[in-house]
Amino acid sequence: MSSSYSKTPRKCSTCGAPLFYRRDVTTSESGTPRVDAMLVCRNEGCSEPALHLKTEHPDTQSQPA
């Protein structure tokens, strides 16, 4: 028995254009890194171009030696 799986891309709820996943890494003035994960619409003229999913604060102090 064979099966096939086709992943369909997520679509923007405002304009219907495909979305892509983006991770922005920034560092605050105190040196703390922050990673923002979001879905971004490929249509530059969209009224809601980005959907923020989560913010991660990687802990760089607890790296194993």
Protein backbone atom coordinates (compact mmCIF):
# COMPACT_ATOMS: atom_id res chain seq x y z
CA MET A 1 0.00 0.00 0.00
CA SER A 2 1.48 3.33 -1.02
CA SER A 3 0.57 6.78 0.08
CA SER A 4 1.60 10.24 -0.93
CA TYR A 5 1.65 13.41 1.06
CA SER A 6 1.57 16.86 -0.47
CA LYS A 7 2.18 19.81 1.83
CA THR A 8 0.23 22.86 0.75
CA PRO A 9 1.68 26.24 1.70
CA ARG A 10 -0.13 28.41 4.21
CA LYS A 11 -2.08 31.28 2.71
CA CYS A 12 -2.54 34.82 4.00
CA SER A 13 -5.99 35.24 5.55
CA THR A 14 -6.17 38.83 4.24
CA CYS A 15 -5.13 38.56 0.58
CA GLY A 16 -4.64 34.82 -0.07
CA ALA A 17 -0.97 35.06 -1.07
CA PRO A 18 1.51 32.39 0.13
CA LEU A 19 3.22 32.95 3.49
CA PHE A 20 6.82 32.21 4.42
CA TYR A 21 8.42 31.61 7.82
CA ARG A 22 10.98 34.18 8.97
CA ARG A 23 13.23 34.32 12.04
CA ASP A 24 14.74 37.69 12.96
CA VAL A 25 17.67 37.64 15.38
CA THR A 26 18.33 40.87 17.26
CA THR A 27 20.51 41.82 20.21
CA SER A 28 19.52 44.40 22.81
CA GLU A 29 21.86 47.12 24.10
CA SER A 30 22.61 44.91 27.11
CA GLY A 31 23.75 42.10 24.78
CA THR A 32 20.74 39.81 25.28
CA PRO A 33 19.81 37.95 22.06
CA ARG A 34 16.18 37.68 20.95
CA VAL A 35 14.68 35.63 18.12
CA ASP A 36 11.31 36.65 16.68
CA ALA A 37 9.50 34.01 14.61
CA MET A 38 6.78 35.15 12.22
CA LEU A 39 4.80 34.28 9.13
CA VAL A 40 5.25 36.92 6.44
CA CYS A 41 3.00 37.51 3.43
CA ARG A 42 4.72 37.48 0.03
CA ASN A 43 2.37 40.24 -1.17
CA GLU A 44 4.15 43.51 -0.31
CA GLY A 45 0.90 45.46 -0.64
CA CYS A 46 -0.97 43.33 1.93
CA SER A 47 -2.70 45.24 4.74
CA GLU A 48 -1.44 42.66 7.31
CA PRO A 49 2.02 41.66 6.02
CA ALA A 50 3.27 39.76 9.10
CA LEU A 51 1.88 37.52 11.83
CA HIS A 52 4.10 37.29 14.91
CA LEU A 53 4.23 33.70 16.18
CA LYS A 54 6.65 33.76 19.11
CA THR A 55 9.67 35.41 20.69
CA GLU A 56 12.53 33.25 21.96
CA HIS A 57 15.21 34.36 24.39
CA PRO A 58 18.08 31.90 23.93
CA ASP A 59 20.01 31.38 27.15
CA THR A 60 23.65 31.72 26.16
CA GLN A 61 24.89 31.52 29.76
CA SER A 62 24.01 27.84 30.32
CA GLN A 63 26.01 26.33 27.45
CA PRO A 64 27.74 23.07 28.49
CA ALA A 65 31.52 23.37 28.72
